[in-house]
Amino acid sequence: MEFTEVIETTGKVLDGAGVAAIVIGALVGTVRFATEMARRQDFELSYRTYRRGLGRAILLGLEFLVAADIIRTVAIAPTFANVGVLALIVLVRTFLSYSLELELTGRWPWQSSTAGT
């Protein structure tokens, strides 16, 4: 197996792990939410927990997807155009990650947990 094939396979595995993290997180969260609603739990608390879990699954999936893109771009075809496309992809995914972090925790990732309280 050649180097490029190994890197391409590694990228595909990481892509799969990212998608799996999102899908499994969504399924587990949805089942938990449905179970809590069947038990007539507090809707607001259950909904917040569901959103938090789903957001964490998306964040984890995004990390895997970014890693896969970086590995493939840097190791296989580090042309200026490919690195530019990678930079845009990472920028968009980083924005999504920061937005999700703010939504989940109520603070930016660089703020201490005691800031604003």
PDB file of N, CA and C in Angstrom:
ATOM      1  N   MET A   1       0.849  -1.174   0.000  1.00  0.00           N
ATOM      2  CA  MET A   1       0.000   0.000   0.000  1.00  0.00           C
ATOM      3  C   MET A   1       0.902   1.246   0.000  1.00  0.00           C
ATOM      4  N   GLU A   2       0.620   2.165  -0.894  1.00  0.00           N
ATOM      5  CA  GLU A   2       1.413   3.373  -1.008  1.00  0.00           C
ATOM      6  C   GLU A   2       1.028   4.401   0.045  1.00  0.00           C
ATOM      7  N   PHE A   3       1.904   5.373   0.223  1.00  0.00           N
ATOM      8  CA  PHE A   3       1.693   6.412   1.229  1.00  0.00           C
ATOM      9  C   PHE A   3       0.387   7.168   0.994  1.00  0.00           C
ATOM     10  N   THR A   4       0.133   7.552  -0.242  1.00  0.00           N
ATOM     11  CA  THR A   4      -1.092   8.318  -0.526  1.00  0.00           C
ATOM     12  C   THR A   4      -2.347   7.495  -0.239  1.00  0.00           C
ATOM     13  N   GLU A   5      -2.276   6.196  -0.491  1.00  0.00           N
ATOM     14  CA  GLU A   5      -3.425   5.336  -0.193  1.00  0.00           C
ATOM     15  C   GLU A   5      -3.664   5.258   1.313  1.00  0.00           C
ATOM     16  N   VAL A   6      -2.581   5.167   2.089  1.00  0.00           N
ATOM     17  CA  VAL A   6      -2.706   5.111   3.550  1.00  0.00           C
ATOM     18  C   VAL A   6      -3.318   6.407   4.071  1.00  0.00           C
ATOM     19  N   ILE A   7      -2.831   7.526   3.557  1.00  0.00           N
ATOM     20  CA  ILE A   7      -3.351   8.828   3.996  1.00  0.00           C
ATOM     21  C   ILE A   7      -4.811   8.992   3.582  1.00  0.00           C
ATOM     22  N   GLU A   8      -5.129   8.597   2.370  1.00  0.00           N
ATOM     23  CA  GLU A   8      -6.521   8.700   1.894  1.00  0.00           C
ATOM     24  C   GLU A   8      -7.438   7.820   2.737  1.00  0.00           C
ATOM     25  N   THR A   9      -6.986   6.622   3.065  1.00  0.00           N
ATOM     26  CA  THR A   9      -7.774   5.723   3.911  1.00  0.00           C
ATOM     27  C   THR A   9      -7.941   6.304   5.311  1.00  0.00           C
ATOM     28  N   THR A  10      -6.862   6.869   5.841  1.00  0.00           N
ATOM     29  CA  THR A  10      -6.937   7.501   7.161  1.00  0.00           C
ATOM     30  C   THR A  10      -7.948   8.645   7.147  1.00  0.00           C
ATOM     31  N   GLY A  11      -7.913   9.452   6.095  1.00  0.00           N
ATOM     32  CA  GLY A  11      -8.876  10.539   5.965  1.00  0.00           C
ATOM     33  C   GLY A  11     -10.306  10.039   5.912  1.00  0.00           C
ATOM     34  N   LYS A  12     -10.519   8.967   5.163  1.00  0.00           N
ATOM     35  CA  LYS A  12     -11.873   8.406   5.071  1.00  0.00           C
ATOM     36  C   LYS A  12     -12.343   7.840   6.409  1.00  0.00           C
ATOM     37  N   VAL A  13     -11.422   7.208   7.146  1.00  0.00           N
ATOM     38  CA  VAL A  13     -11.775   6.668   8.462  1.00  0.00           C
ATOM     39  C   VAL A  13     -12.161   7.805   9.406  1.00  0.00           C
ATOM     40  N   LEU A  14     -11.379   8.886   9.385  1.00  0.00           N
ATOM     41  CA  LEU A  14     -11.704  10.025  10.237  1.00  0.00           C
ATOM     42  C   LEU A  14     -13.013  10.690   9.808  1.00  0.00           C
ATOM     43  N   ASP A  15     -13.252  10.771   8.502  1.00  0.00           N
ATOM     44  CA  ASP A  15     -14.546  11.282   8.026  1.00  0.00           C
ATOM     45  C   ASP A  15     -15.683  10.418   8.557  1.00  0.00           C
ATOM     46  N   GLY A  16     -15.506   9.121   8.469  1.00  0.00           N
ATOM     47  CA  GLY A  16     -16.526   8.193   8.969  1.00  0.00           C
ATOM     48  C   GLY A  16     -16.738   8.344  10.466  1.00  0.00           C
ATOM     49  N   ALA A  17     -15.642   8.529  11.199  1.00  0.00           N
ATOM     50  CA  ALA A  17     -15.751   8.718  12.650  1.00  0.00           C
ATOM     51  C   ALA A  17     -16.503  10.007  12.971  1.00  0.00           C
ATOM     52  N   GLY A  18     -16.257  11.051  12.187  1.00  0.00           N
ATOM     53  CA  GLY A  18     -16.966  12.311  12.404  1.00  0.00           C
ATOM     54  C   GLY A  18     -18.457  12.186  12.158  1.00  0.00           C
ATOM     55  N   VAL A  19     -18.797  11.559  11.056  1.00  0.00           N
ATOM     56  CA  VAL A  19     -20.213  11.359  10.736  1.00  0.00           C
ATOM     57  C   VAL A  19     -20.856  10.440  11.773  1.00  0.00           C
ATOM     58  N   ALA A  20     -20.131   9.387  12.164  1.00  0.00           N
ATOM     59  CA  ALA A  20     -20.667   8.460  13.161  1.00  0.00           C
ATOM     60  C   ALA A  20     -20.899   9.160  14.498  1.00  0.00           C
ATOM     61  N   ALA A  21     -19.977  10.028  14.892  1.00  0.00           N
ATOM     62  CA  ALA A  21     -20.144  10.756  16.159  1.00  0.00           C
ATOM     63  C   ALA A  21     -21.414  11.602  16.136  1.00  0.00           C
ATOM     64  N   ILE A  22     -21.653  12.253  15.024  1.00  0.00           N
ATOM     65  CA  ILE A  22     -22.854  13.092  14.912  1.00  0.00           C
ATOM     66  C   ILE A  22     -24.120  12.239  14.901  1.00  0.00           C
ATOM     67  N   VAL A  23     -24.121  11.195  14.090  1.00  0.00           N
ATOM     68  CA  VAL A  23     -25.318  10.357  13.960  1.00  0.00           C
ATOM     69  C   VAL A  23     -25.614   9.618  15.259  1.00  0.00           C
ATOM     70  N   ILE A  24     -24.599   9.011  15.858  1.00  0.00           N
ATOM     71  CA  ILE A  24     -24.814   8.263  17.107  1.00  0.00           C
ATOM     72  C   ILE A  24     -25.238   9.211  18.223  1.00  0.00           C
ATOM     73  N   GLY A  25     -24.589  10.376  18.289  1.00  0.00           N
ATOM     74  CA  GLY A  25     -24.977  11.357  19.299  1.00  0.00           C
ATOM     75  C   GLY A  25     -26.413  11.805  19.137  1.00  0.00           C
ATOM     76  N   ALA A  26     -26.825  12.024  17.892  1.00  0.00           N
ATOM     77  CA  ALA A  26     -28.208  12.429  17.632  1.00  0.00           C
ATOM     78  C   ALA A  26     -29.187  11.314  18.000  1.00  0.00           C
ATOM     79  N   LEU A  27     -28.851  10.093  17.654  1.00  0.00           N
ATOM     80  CA  LEU A  27     -29.740   8.969  17.981  1.00  0.00           C
ATOM     81  C   LEU A  27     -29.856   8.757  19.485  1.00  0.00           C
ATOM     82  N   VAL A  28     -28.717   8.753  20.181  1.00  0.00           N
ATOM     83  CA  VAL A  28     -28.736   8.551  21.633  1.00  0.00           C
ATOM     84  C   VAL A  28     -29.508   9.682  22.310  1.00  0.00           C
ATOM     85  N   GLY A  29     -29.246  10.907  21.894  1.00  0.00           N
ATOM     86  CA  GLY A  29     -29.942  12.048  22.473  1.00  0.00           C
ATOM     87  C   GLY A  29     -31.437  11.995  22.233  1.00  0.00           C
ATOM     88  N   THR A  30     -31.824  11.604  21.030  1.00  0.00           N
ATOM     89  CA  THR A  30     -33.241  11.535  20.694  1.00  0.00           C
ATOM     90  C   THR A  30     -33.943  10.439  21.494  1.00  0.00           C
ATOM     91  N   VAL A  31     -33.298   9.296  21.641  1.00  0.00           N
ATOM     92  CA  VAL A  31     -33.885   8.208  22.424  1.00  0.00           C
ATOM     93  C   VAL A  31     -34.037   8.640  23.887  1.00  0.00           C
ATOM     94  N   ARG A  32     -32.991   9.284  24.428  1.00  0.00           N
ATOM     95  CA  ARG A  32     -33.085   9.774  25.812  1.00  0.00           C
ATOM     96  C   ARG A  32     -34.206  10.781  25.975  1.00  0.00           C
ATOM     97  N   PHE A  33     -34.296  11.694  25.035  1.00  0.00           N
ATOM     98  CA  PHE A  33     -35.340  12.722  25.102  1.00  0.00           C
ATOM     99  C   PHE A  33     -36.724  12.079  25.029  1.00  0.00           C
ATOM    100  N   ALA A  34     -36.896  11.158  24.108  1.00  0.00           N
ATOM    101  CA  ALA A  34     -38.191  10.482  23.972  1.00  0.00           C
ATOM    102  C   ALA A  34     -38.533   9.695  25.237  1.00  0.00           C
ATOM    103  N   THR A  35     -37.529   9.053  25.828  1.00  0.00           N
ATOM    104  CA  THR A  35     -37.751   8.297  27.061  1.00  0.00           C
ATOM    105  C   THR A  35     -38.171   9.220  28.197  1.00  0.00           C
ATOM    106  N   GLU A  36     -37.485  10.349  28.305  1.00  0.00           N
ATOM    107  CA  GLU A  36     -37.839  11.308  29.358  1.00  0.00           C
ATOM    108  C   GLU A  36     -39.241  11.873  29.140  1.00  0.00           C
ATOM    109  N   MET A  37     -39.605  12.100  27.898  1.00  0.00           N
ATOM    110  CA  MET A  37     -40.950  12.619  27.616  1.00  0.00           C
ATOM    111  C   MET A  37     -42.006  11.550  27.894  1.00  0.00           C
ATOM    112  N   ALA A  38     -41.686  10.293  27.635  1.00  0.00           N
ATOM    113  CA  ALA A  38     -42.629   9.211  27.933  1.00  0.00           C
ATOM    114  C   ALA A  38     -42.848   9.088  29.437  1.00  0.00           C
ATOM    115  N   ARG A  39     -41.820   9.410  30.215  1.00  0.00           N
ATOM    116  CA  ARG A  39     -41.942   9.372  31.675  1.00  0.00           C
ATOM    117  C   ARG A  39     -42.522  10.668  32.233  1.00  0.00           C
ATOM    118  N   ARG A  40     -42.871  11.561  31.317  1.00  0.00           N
ATOM    119  CA  ARG A  40     -43.453  12.849  31.679  1.00  0.00           C
ATOM    120  C   ARG A  40     -42.506  13.680  32.545  1.00  0.00           C
ATOM    121  N   GLN A  41     -41.237  13.696  32.159  1.00  0.00           N
ATOM    122  CA  GLN A  41     -40.245  14.528  32.845  1.00  0.00           C
ATOM    123  C   GLN A  41     -40.453  15.985  32.463  1.00  0.00           C
ATOM    124  N   ASP A  42     -39.765  16.864  33.148  1.00  0.00           N
ATOM    125  CA  ASP A  42     -39.827  18.295  32.868  1.00  0.00           C
ATOM    126  C   ASP A  42     -39.345  18.554  31.445  1.00  0.00           C
ATOM    127  N   PHE A  43     -40.203  19.146  30.612  1.00  0.00           N
ATOM    128  CA  PHE A  43     -39.867  19.356  29.202  1.00  0.00           C
ATOM    129  C   PHE A  43     -38.675  20.291  29.037  1.00  0.00           C
ATOM    130  N   GLU A  44     -38.661  21.409  29.744  1.00  0.00           N
ATOM    131  CA  GLU A  44     -37.592  22.394  29.585  1.00  0.00           C
ATOM    132  C   GLU A  44     -36.230  21.791  29.911  1.00  0.00           C
ATOM    133  N   LEU A  45     -36.131  21.090  31.020  1.00  0.00           N
ATOM    134  CA  LEU A  45     -34.865  20.459  31.407  1.00  0.00           C
ATOM    135  C   LEU A  45     -34.467  19.383  30.405  1.00  0.00           C
ATOM    136  N   SER A  46     -35.413  18.579  29.990  1.00  0.00           N
ATOM    137  CA  SER A  46     -35.131  17.520  29.014  1.00  0.00           C
ATOM    138  C   SER A  46     -34.686  18.105  27.680  1.00  0.00           C
ATOM    139  N   TYR A  47     -35.334  19.171  27.266  1.00  0.00           N
ATOM    140  CA  TYR A  47     -34.994  19.804  25.999  1.00  0.00           C
ATOM    141  C   TYR A  47     -33.593  20.411  26.046  1.00  0.00           C
ATOM    142  N   ARG A  48     -33.264  21.107  27.149  1.00  0.00           N
ATOM    143  CA  ARG A  48     -31.923  21.677  27.296  1.00  0.00           C
ATOM    144  C   ARG A  48     -30.856  20.592  27.298  1.00  0.00           C
ATOM    145  N   THR A  49     -31.133  19.493  27.980  1.00  0.00           N
ATOM    146  CA  THR A  49     -30.197  18.371  28.007  1.00  0.00           C
ATOM    147  C   THR A  49     -30.034  17.777  26.614  1.00  0.00           C
ATOM    148  N   TYR A  50     -31.121  17.649  25.900  1.00  0.00           N
ATOM    149  CA  TYR A  50     -31.100  17.120  24.530  1.00  0.00           C
ATOM    150  C   TYR A  50     -30.257  18.011  23.627  1.00  0.00           C
ATOM    151  N   ARG A  51     -30.503  19.303  23.678  1.00  0.00           N
ATOM    152  CA  ARG A  51     -29.739  20.250  22.847  1.00  0.00           C
ATOM    153  C   ARG A  51     -28.260  20.223  23.186  1.00  0.00           C
ATOM    154  N   ARG A  52     -27.952  20.174  24.478  1.00  0.00           N
ATOM    155  CA  ARG A  52     -26.552  20.138  24.907  1.00  0.00           C
ATOM    156  C   ARG A  52     -25.856  18.882  24.388  1.00  0.00           C
ATOM    157  N   GLY A  53     -26.514  17.744  24.506  1.00  0.00           N
ATOM    158  CA  GLY A  53     -25.934  16.490  24.021  1.00  0.00           C
ATOM    159  C   GLY A  53     -25.757  16.484  22.509  1.00  0.00           C
ATOM    160  N   LEU A  54     -26.753  16.999  21.808  1.00  0.00           N
ATOM    161  CA  LEU A  54     -26.666  17.070  20.349  1.00  0.00           C
ATOM    162  C   LEU A  54     -25.545  18.022  19.926  1.00  0.00           C
ATOM    163  N   GLY A  55     -25.437  19.143  20.599  1.00  0.00           N
ATOM    164  CA  GLY A  55     -24.361  20.088  20.299  1.00  0.00           C
ATOM    165  C   GLY A  55     -22.987  19.489  20.529  1.00  0.00           C
ATOM    166  N   ARG A  56     -22.834  18.739  21.603  1.00  0.00           N
ATOM    167  CA  ARG A  56     -21.542  18.088  21.878  1.00  0.00           C
ATOM    168  C   ARG A  56     -21.207  17.055  20.811  1.00  0.00           C
ATOM    169  N   ALA A  57     -22.206  16.317  20.362  1.00  0.00           N
ATOM    170  CA  ALA A  57     -21.975  15.326  19.305  1.00  0.00           C
ATOM    171  C   ALA A  57     -21.541  16.024  18.014  1.00  0.00           C
ATOM    172  N   ILE A  58     -22.171  17.137  17.693  1.00  0.00           N
ATOM    173  CA  ILE A  58     -21.794  17.884  16.488  1.00  0.00           C
ATOM    174  C   ILE A  58     -20.384  18.427  16.619  1.00  0.00           C
ATOM    175  N   LEU A  59     -20.041  18.968  17.794  1.00  0.00           N
ATOM    176  CA  LEU A  59     -18.681  19.481  18.006  1.00  0.00           C
ATOM    177  C   LEU A  59     -17.639  18.381  17.829  1.00  0.00           C
ATOM    178  N   LEU A  60     -17.894  17.218  18.399  1.00  0.00           N
ATOM    179  CA  LEU A  60     -16.959  16.110  18.260  1.00  0.00           C
ATOM    180  C   LEU A  60     -16.840  15.686  16.798  1.00  0.00           C
ATOM    181  N   GLY A  61     -17.966  15.582  16.112  1.00  0.00           N
ATOM    182  CA  GLY A  61     -17.943  15.233  14.697  1.00  0.00           C
ATOM    183  C   GLY A  61     -17.174  16.242  13.865  1.00  0.00           C
ATOM    184  N   LEU A  62     -17.359  17.528  14.143  1.00  0.00           N
ATOM    185  CA  LEU A  62     -16.630  18.572  13.420  1.00  0.00           C
ATOM    186  C   LEU A  62     -15.127  18.451  13.630  1.00  0.00           C
ATOM    187  N   GLU A  63     -14.708  18.106  14.838  1.00  0.00           N
ATOM    188  CA  GLU A  63     -13.274  17.941  15.106  1.00  0.00           C
ATOM    189  C   GLU A  63     -12.691  16.815  14.251  1.00  0.00           C
ATOM    190  N   PHE A  64     -13.392  15.704  14.171  1.00  0.00           N
ATOM    191  CA  PHE A  64     -12.927  14.597  13.331  1.00  0.00           C
ATOM    192  C   PHE A  64     -12.881  15.002  11.861  1.00  0.00           C
ATOM    193  N   LEU A  65     -13.900  15.698  11.399  1.00  0.00           N
ATOM    194  CA  LEU A  65     -13.954  16.095   9.992  1.00  0.00           C
ATOM    195  C   LEU A  65     -12.844  17.079   9.635  1.00  0.00           C
ATOM    196  N   VAL A  66     -12.551  18.009  10.531  1.00  0.00           N
ATOM    197  CA  VAL A  66     -11.449  18.949  10.296  1.00  0.00           C
ATOM    198  C   VAL A  66     -10.117  18.192  10.256  1.00  0.00           C
ATOM    199  N   ALA A  67      -9.933  17.274  11.187  1.00  0.00           N
ATOM    200  CA  ALA A  67      -8.690  16.492  11.204  1.00  0.00           C
ATOM    201  C   ALA A  67      -8.510  15.725   9.897  1.00  0.00           C
ATOM    202  N   ALA A  68      -9.574  15.135   9.400  1.00  0.00           N
ATOM    203  CA  ALA A  68      -9.497  14.386   8.139  1.00  0.00           C
ATOM    204  C   ALA A  68      -9.117  15.302   6.983  1.00  0.00           C
ATOM    205  N   ASP A  69      -9.714  16.480   6.926  1.00  0.00           N
ATOM    206  CA  ASP A  69      -9.394  17.431   5.854  1.00  0.00           C
ATOM    207  C   ASP A  69      -7.941  17.881   5.928  1.00  0.00           C
ATOM    208  N   ILE A  70      -7.472  18.151   7.131  1.00  0.00           N
ATOM    209  CA  ILE A  70      -6.087  18.591   7.290  1.00  0.00           C
ATOM    210  C   ILE A  70      -5.119  17.504   6.852  1.00  0.00           C
ATOM    211  N   ILE A  71      -5.349  16.291   7.287  1.00  0.00           N
ATOM    212  CA  ILE A  71      -4.454  15.189   6.928  1.00  0.00           C
ATOM    213  C   ILE A  71      -4.402  14.997   5.421  1.00  0.00           C
ATOM    214  N   ARG A  72      -5.556  14.962   4.791  1.00  0.00           N
ATOM    215  CA  ARG A  72      -5.575  14.749   3.339  1.00  0.00           C
ATOM    216  C   ARG A  72      -4.927  15.895   2.579  1.00  0.00           C
ATOM    217  N   THR A  73      -5.202  17.113   2.984  1.00  0.00           N
ATOM    218  CA  THR A  73      -4.681  18.262   2.245  1.00  0.00           C
ATOM    219  C   THR A  73      -3.171  18.402   2.415  1.00  0.00           C
ATOM    220  N   VAL A  74      -2.695  18.313   3.634  1.00  0.00           N
ATOM    221  CA  VAL A  74      -1.273  18.528   3.895  1.00  0.00           C
ATOM    222  C   VAL A  74      -0.423  17.366   3.385  1.00  0.00           C
ATOM    223  N   ALA A  75      -0.897  16.158   3.535  1.00  0.00           N
ATOM    224  CA  ALA A  75      -0.081  15.002   3.175  1.00  0.00           C
ATOM    225  C   ALA A  75      -0.152  14.633   1.701  1.00  0.00           C
ATOM    226  N   ILE A  76      -1.267  14.877   1.047  1.00  0.00           N
ATOM    227  CA  ILE A  76      -1.421  14.410  -0.330  1.00  0.00           C
ATOM    228  C   ILE A  76      -1.170  15.511  -1.348  1.00  0.00           C
ATOM    229  N   ALA A  77      -1.861  16.625  -1.226  1.00  0.00           N
ATOM    230  CA  ALA A  77      -1.765  17.662  -2.259  1.00  0.00           C
ATOM    231  C   ALA A  77      -1.677  19.045  -1.629  1.00  0.00           C
ATOM    232  N   PRO A  78      -0.507  19.406  -1.080  1.00  0.00           N
ATOM    233  CA  PRO A  78      -0.392  20.709  -0.418  1.00  0.00           C
ATOM    234  C   PRO A  78      -0.171  21.873  -1.384  1.00  0.00           C
ATOM    235  N   THR A  79      -1.014  21.988  -2.394  1.00  0.00           N
ATOM    236  CA  THR A  79      -0.915  23.121  -3.313  1.00  0.00           C
ATOM    237  C   THR A  79      -1.547  24.353  -2.662  1.00  0.00           C
ATOM    238  N   PHE A  80      -1.229  25.502  -3.182  1.00  0.00           N
ATOM    239  CA  PHE A  80      -1.761  26.747  -2.634  1.00  0.00           C
ATOM    240  C   PHE A  80      -3.293  26.762  -2.702  1.00  0.00           C
ATOM    241  N   ALA A  81      -3.830  26.290  -3.801  1.00  0.00           N
ATOM    242  CA  ALA A  81      -5.294  26.264  -3.955  1.00  0.00           C
ATOM    243  C   ALA A  81      -5.932  25.315  -2.945  1.00  0.00           C
ATOM    244  N   ASN A  82      -5.362  24.129  -2.773  1.00  0.00           N
ATOM    245  CA  ASN A  82      -5.913  23.163  -1.815  1.00  0.00           C
ATOM    246  C   ASN A  82      -5.819  23.673  -0.380  1.00  0.00           C
ATOM    247  N   VAL A  83      -4.699  24.304  -0.050  1.00  0.00           N
ATOM    248  CA  VAL A  83      -4.542  24.850   1.296  1.00  0.00           C
ATOM    249  C   VAL A  83      -5.525  26.006   1.507  1.00  0.00           C
ATOM    250  N   GLY A  84      -5.782  26.791   0.466  1.00  0.00           N
ATOM    251  CA  GLY A  84      -6.777  27.872   0.564  1.00  0.00           C
ATOM    252  C   GLY A  84      -8.174  27.334   0.815  1.00  0.00           C
ATOM    253  N   VAL A  85      -8.544  26.290   0.103  1.00  0.00           N
ATOM    254  CA  VAL A  85      -9.853  25.660   0.313  1.00  0.00           C
ATOM    255  C   VAL A  85      -9.923  25.083   1.720  1.00  0.00           C
ATOM    256  N   LEU A  86      -8.847  24.435   2.153  1.00  0.00           N
ATOM    257  CA  LEU A  86      -8.799  23.891   3.510  1.00  0.00           C
ATOM    258  C   LEU A  86      -8.968  24.997   4.540  1.00  0.00           C
ATOM    259  N   ALA A  87      -8.306  26.125   4.316  1.00  0.00           N
ATOM    260  CA  ALA A  87      -8.416  27.245   5.255  1.00  0.00           C
ATOM    261  C   ALA A  87      -9.861  27.727   5.360  1.00  0.00           C
ATOM    262  N   LEU A  88     -10.562  27.799   4.243  1.00  0.00           N
ATOM    263  CA  LEU A  88     -11.968  28.217   4.279  1.00  0.00           C
ATOM    264  C   LEU A  88     -12.834  27.199   5.014  1.00  0.00           C
ATOM    265  N   ILE A  89     -12.584  25.923   4.755  1.00  0.00           N
ATOM    266  CA  ILE A  89     -13.351  24.868   5.431  1.00  0.00           C
ATOM    267  C   ILE A  89     -13.110  24.931   6.934  1.00  0.00           C
ATOM    268  N   VAL A  90     -11.850  25.050   7.331  1.00  0.00           N
ATOM    269  CA  VAL A  90     -11.519  25.119   8.754  1.00  0.00           C
ATOM    270  C   VAL A  90     -12.117  26.376   9.377  1.00  0.00           C
ATOM    271  N   LEU A  91     -12.100  27.476   8.661  1.00  0.00           N
ATOM    272  CA  LEU A  91     -12.675  28.721   9.167  1.00  0.00           C
ATOM    273  C   LEU A  91     -14.174  28.564   9.428  1.00  0.00           C
ATOM    274  N   VAL A  92     -14.884  27.997   8.489  1.00  0.00           N
ATOM    275  CA  VAL A  92     -16.329  27.794   8.659  1.00  0.00           C
ATOM    276  C   VAL A  92     -16.607  26.830   9.806  1.00  0.00           C
ATOM    277  N   ARG A  93     -15.870  25.733   9.867  1.00  0.00           N
ATOM    278  CA  ARG A  93     -16.097  24.759  10.932  1.00  0.00           C
ATOM    279  C   ARG A  93     -15.694  25.312  12.293  1.00  0.00           C
ATOM    280  N   THR A  94     -14.661  26.129  12.337  1.00  0.00           N
ATOM    281  CA  THR A  94     -14.264  26.754  13.596  1.00  0.00           C
ATOM    282  C   THR A  94     -15.340  27.725  14.063  1.00  0.00           C
ATOM    283  N   PHE A  95     -15.897  28.507  13.141  1.00  0.00           N
ATOM    284  CA  PHE A  95     -16.996  29.404  13.486  1.00  0.00           C
ATOM    285  C   PHE A  95     -18.174  28.612  14.048  1.00  0.00           C
ATOM    286  N   LEU A  96     -18.497  27.494  13.402  1.00  0.00           N
ATOM    287  CA  LEU A  96     -19.592  26.652  13.897  1.00  0.00           C
ATOM    288  C   LEU A  96     -19.277  26.112  15.287  1.00  0.00           C
ATOM    289  N   SER A  97     -18.040  25.686  15.493  1.00  0.00           N
ATOM    290  CA  SER A  97     -17.647  25.154  16.799  1.00  0.00           C
ATOM    291  C   SER A  97     -17.766  26.216  17.886  1.00  0.00           C
ATOM    292  N   TYR A  98     -17.268  27.425  17.610  1.00  0.00           N
ATOM    293  CA  TYR A  98     -17.361  28.492  18.602  1.00  0.00           C
ATOM    294  C   TYR A  98     -18.815  28.874  18.868  1.00  0.00           C
ATOM    295  N   SER A  99     -19.614  28.916  17.828  1.00  0.00           N
ATOM    296  CA  SER A  99     -21.034  29.243  17.997  1.00  0.00           C
ATOM    297  C   SER A  99     -21.737  28.187  18.839  1.00  0.00           C
ATOM    298  N   LEU A 100     -21.441  26.935  18.586  1.00  0.00           N
ATOM    299  CA  LEU A 100     -22.039  25.859  19.377  1.00  0.00           C
ATOM    300  C   LEU A 100     -21.564  25.909  20.822  1.00  0.00           C
ATOM    301  N   GLU A 101     -20.294  26.184  21.021  1.00  0.00           N
ATOM    302  CA  GLU A 101     -19.756  26.288  22.377  1.00  0.00           C
ATOM    303  C   GLU A 101     -20.456  27.404  23.152  1.00  0.00           C
ATOM    304  N   LEU A 102     -20.638  28.542  22.507  1.00  0.00           N
ATOM    305  CA  LEU A 102     -21.337  29.658  23.142  1.00  0.00           C
ATOM    306  C   LEU A 102     -22.781  29.276  23.452  1.00  0.00           C
ATOM    307  N   GLU A 103     -23.412  28.589  22.539  1.00  0.00           N
ATOM    308  CA  GLU A 103     -24.803  28.157  22.730  1.00  0.00           C
ATOM    309  C   GLU A 103     -24.916  27.156  23.878  1.00  0.00           C
ATOM    310  N   LEU A 104     -23.954  26.244  23.980  1.00  0.00           N
ATOM    311  CA  LEU A 104     -24.021  25.189  24.997  1.00  0.00           C
ATOM    312  C   LEU A 104     -23.669  25.675  26.393  1.00  0.00           C
ATOM    313  N   THR A 105     -22.631  26.507  26.483  1.00  0.00           N
ATOM    314  CA  THR A 105     -22.124  26.878  27.801  1.00  0.00           C
ATOM    315  C   THR A 105     -22.464  28.299  28.209  1.00  0.00           C
ATOM    316  N   GLY A 106     -22.859  29.129  27.243  1.00  0.00           N
ATOM    317  CA  GLY A 106     -23.155  30.519  27.555  1.00  0.00           C
ATOM    318  C   GLY A 106     -21.911  31.388  27.643  1.00  0.00           C
ATOM    319  N   ARG A 107     -20.758  30.861  27.253  1.00  0.00           N
ATOM    320  CA  ARG A 107     -19.514  31.629  27.273  1.00  0.00           C
ATOM    321  C   ARG A 107     -18.626  31.189  26.125  1.00  0.00           C
ATOM    322  N   TRP A 108     -17.689  32.039  25.759  1.00  0.00           N
ATOM    323  CA  TRP A 108     -16.738  31.700  24.708  1.00  0.00           C
ATOM    324  C   TRP A 108     -15.713  30.707  25.245  1.00  0.00           C
ATOM    325  N   PRO A 109     -15.114  29.900  24.384  1.00  0.00           N
ATOM    326  CA  PRO A 109     -14.166  28.893  24.854  1.00  0.00           C
ATOM    327  C   PRO A 109     -12.987  29.469  25.642  1.00  0.00           C
ATOM    328  N   TRP A 110     -12.578  30.692  25.359  1.00  0.00           N
ATOM    329  CA  TRP A 110     -11.424  31.275  26.044  1.00  0.00           C
ATOM    330  C   TRP A 110     -11.782  31.954  27.353  1.00  0.00           C
ATOM    331  N   GLN A 111     -13.067  32.045  27.671  1.00  0.00           N
ATOM    332  CA  GLN A 111     -13.481  32.625  28.930  1.00  0.00           C
ATOM    333  C   GLN A 111     -13.452  31.576  30.020  1.00  0.00           C
ATOM    334  N   SER A 112     -13.062  31.989  31.234  1.00  0.00           N
ATOM    335  CA  SER A 112     -13.063  31.043  32.334  1.00  0.00           C
ATOM    336  C   SER A 112     -14.503  30.715  32.714  1.00  0.00           C
ATOM    337  N   SER A 113     -14.692  29.604  33.375  1.00  0.00           N
ATOM    338  CA  SER A 113     -16.047  29.179  33.728  1.00  0.00           C
ATOM    339  C   SER A 113     -16.677  30.099  34.772  1.00  0.00           C
ATOM    340  N   THR A 114     -15.874  30.928  35.453  1.00  0.00           N
ATOM    341  CA  THR A 114     -16.417  31.842  36.450  1.00  0.00           C
ATOM    342  C   THR A 114     -16.712  33.214  35.876  1.00  0.00           C
ATOM    343  N   ALA A 115     -16.322  33.446  34.604  1.00  0.00           N
ATOM    344  CA  ALA A 115     -16.564  34.752  33.995  1.00  0.00           C
ATOM    345  C   ALA A 115     -18.058  34.955  33.777  1.00  0.00           C
ATOM    346  N   GLY A 116     -18.531  36.103  34.118  1.00  0.00           N
ATOM    347  CA  GLY A 116     -19.931  36.432  33.881  1.00  0.00           C
ATOM    348  C   GLY A 116     -20.879  35.928  34.938  1.00  0.00           C
ATOM    349  N   THR A 117     -20.341  35.292  36.003  1.00  0.00           N
ATOM    350  CA  THR A 117     -21.229  34.819  37.085  1.00  0.00           C
ATOM    351  C   THR A 117     -20.983  35.555  38.345  1.00  0.00           C
TER     352      THR A 117
END
